[in-house]
């Protein structure tokens, strides 16, 4: 199951830089994770300073 970003996202970009698959992009209001590209590695969740990313 792909990781998801909640409304706690503050659009800092830390997750995008940490994603080895390039599955994270800036959305209109917060960052978004492409479920098709997500590797389920958890690198983004480990990097998020607001704990906005979970499975």
Protein backbone atom coordinates (compact mmCIF):
# COMPACT_ATOMS: atom_id res chain seq x y z
CA UNK A 1 0.00 0.00 0.00
CA UNK A 2 1.38 3.39 -0.98
CA UNK A 3 2.15 6.06 1.58
CA UNK A 4 -0.18 9.05 1.86
CA UNK A 5 0.30 12.64 2.95
CA UNK A 6 -2.22 14.11 5.40
CA UNK A 7 -3.39 17.69 5.92
CA UNK A 8 -0.57 18.10 8.46
CA UNK A 9 1.76 18.69 5.48
CA UNK A 10 3.43 22.12 5.62
CA UNK A 11 4.88 21.85 2.07
CA UNK A 12 8.50 21.93 3.24
CA UNK A 13 9.67 19.58 0.45
CA UNK A 14 11.75 17.29 2.65
CA UNK A 15 9.80 14.23 1.50
CA UNK A 16 10.22 15.01 -2.19
CA UNK A 17 13.99 15.16 -1.84
CA UNK A 18 14.11 11.88 0.08
CA UNK A 19 11.97 9.78 -2.30
CA UNK A 20 14.17 7.40 -4.34
CA UNK A 21 11.34 6.73 -6.80
CA UNK A 22 10.48 10.36 -7.51
CA UNK A 23 6.89 9.60 -6.51
CA UNK A 24 6.33 12.85 -4.61
CA UNK A 25 5.39 16.12 -6.26
CA UNK A 26 4.12 19.50 -5.13
CA UNK A 27 0.34 19.71 -5.30
CA UNK A 28 -1.93 22.72 -5.14
CA UNK A 29 -2.11 22.81 -1.33
CA UNK A 30 0.40 20.18 -0.18
CA UNK A 31 2.73 17.54 -1.53
CA UNK A 32 1.23 14.42 -3.12
CA UNK A 33 2.46 10.83 -3.52
CA UNK A 34 1.78 8.89 -6.72
CA UNK A 35 0.46 5.50 -5.60
CA UNK A 36 1.66 3.92 -8.84
CA UNK A 37 5.25 5.09 -8.36
CA UNK A 38 5.54 4.65 -4.56
CA UNK A 39 7.93 1.84 -3.54
CA UNK A 40 6.60 1.62 0.04
CA UNK A 41 10.12 2.17 1.34
CA UNK A 42 9.15 4.71 4.03
CA UNK A 43 11.99 7.14 3.32
CA UNK A 44 9.52 10.00 3.04
CA UNK A 45 7.81 9.20 6.34
CA UNK A 46 11.16 9.05 8.12
CA UNK A 47 12.07 12.49 6.76
CA UNK A 48 8.79 14.35 7.35
CA UNK A 49 9.20 16.85 10.23
CA UNK A 50 5.44 16.99 10.92
CA UNK A 51 4.71 13.23 10.70
CA UNK A 52 2.21 13.96 7.92
CA UNK A 53 3.08 10.78 5.98
CA UNK A 54 1.76 7.33 6.78
CA UNK A 55 0.57 4.13 5.13
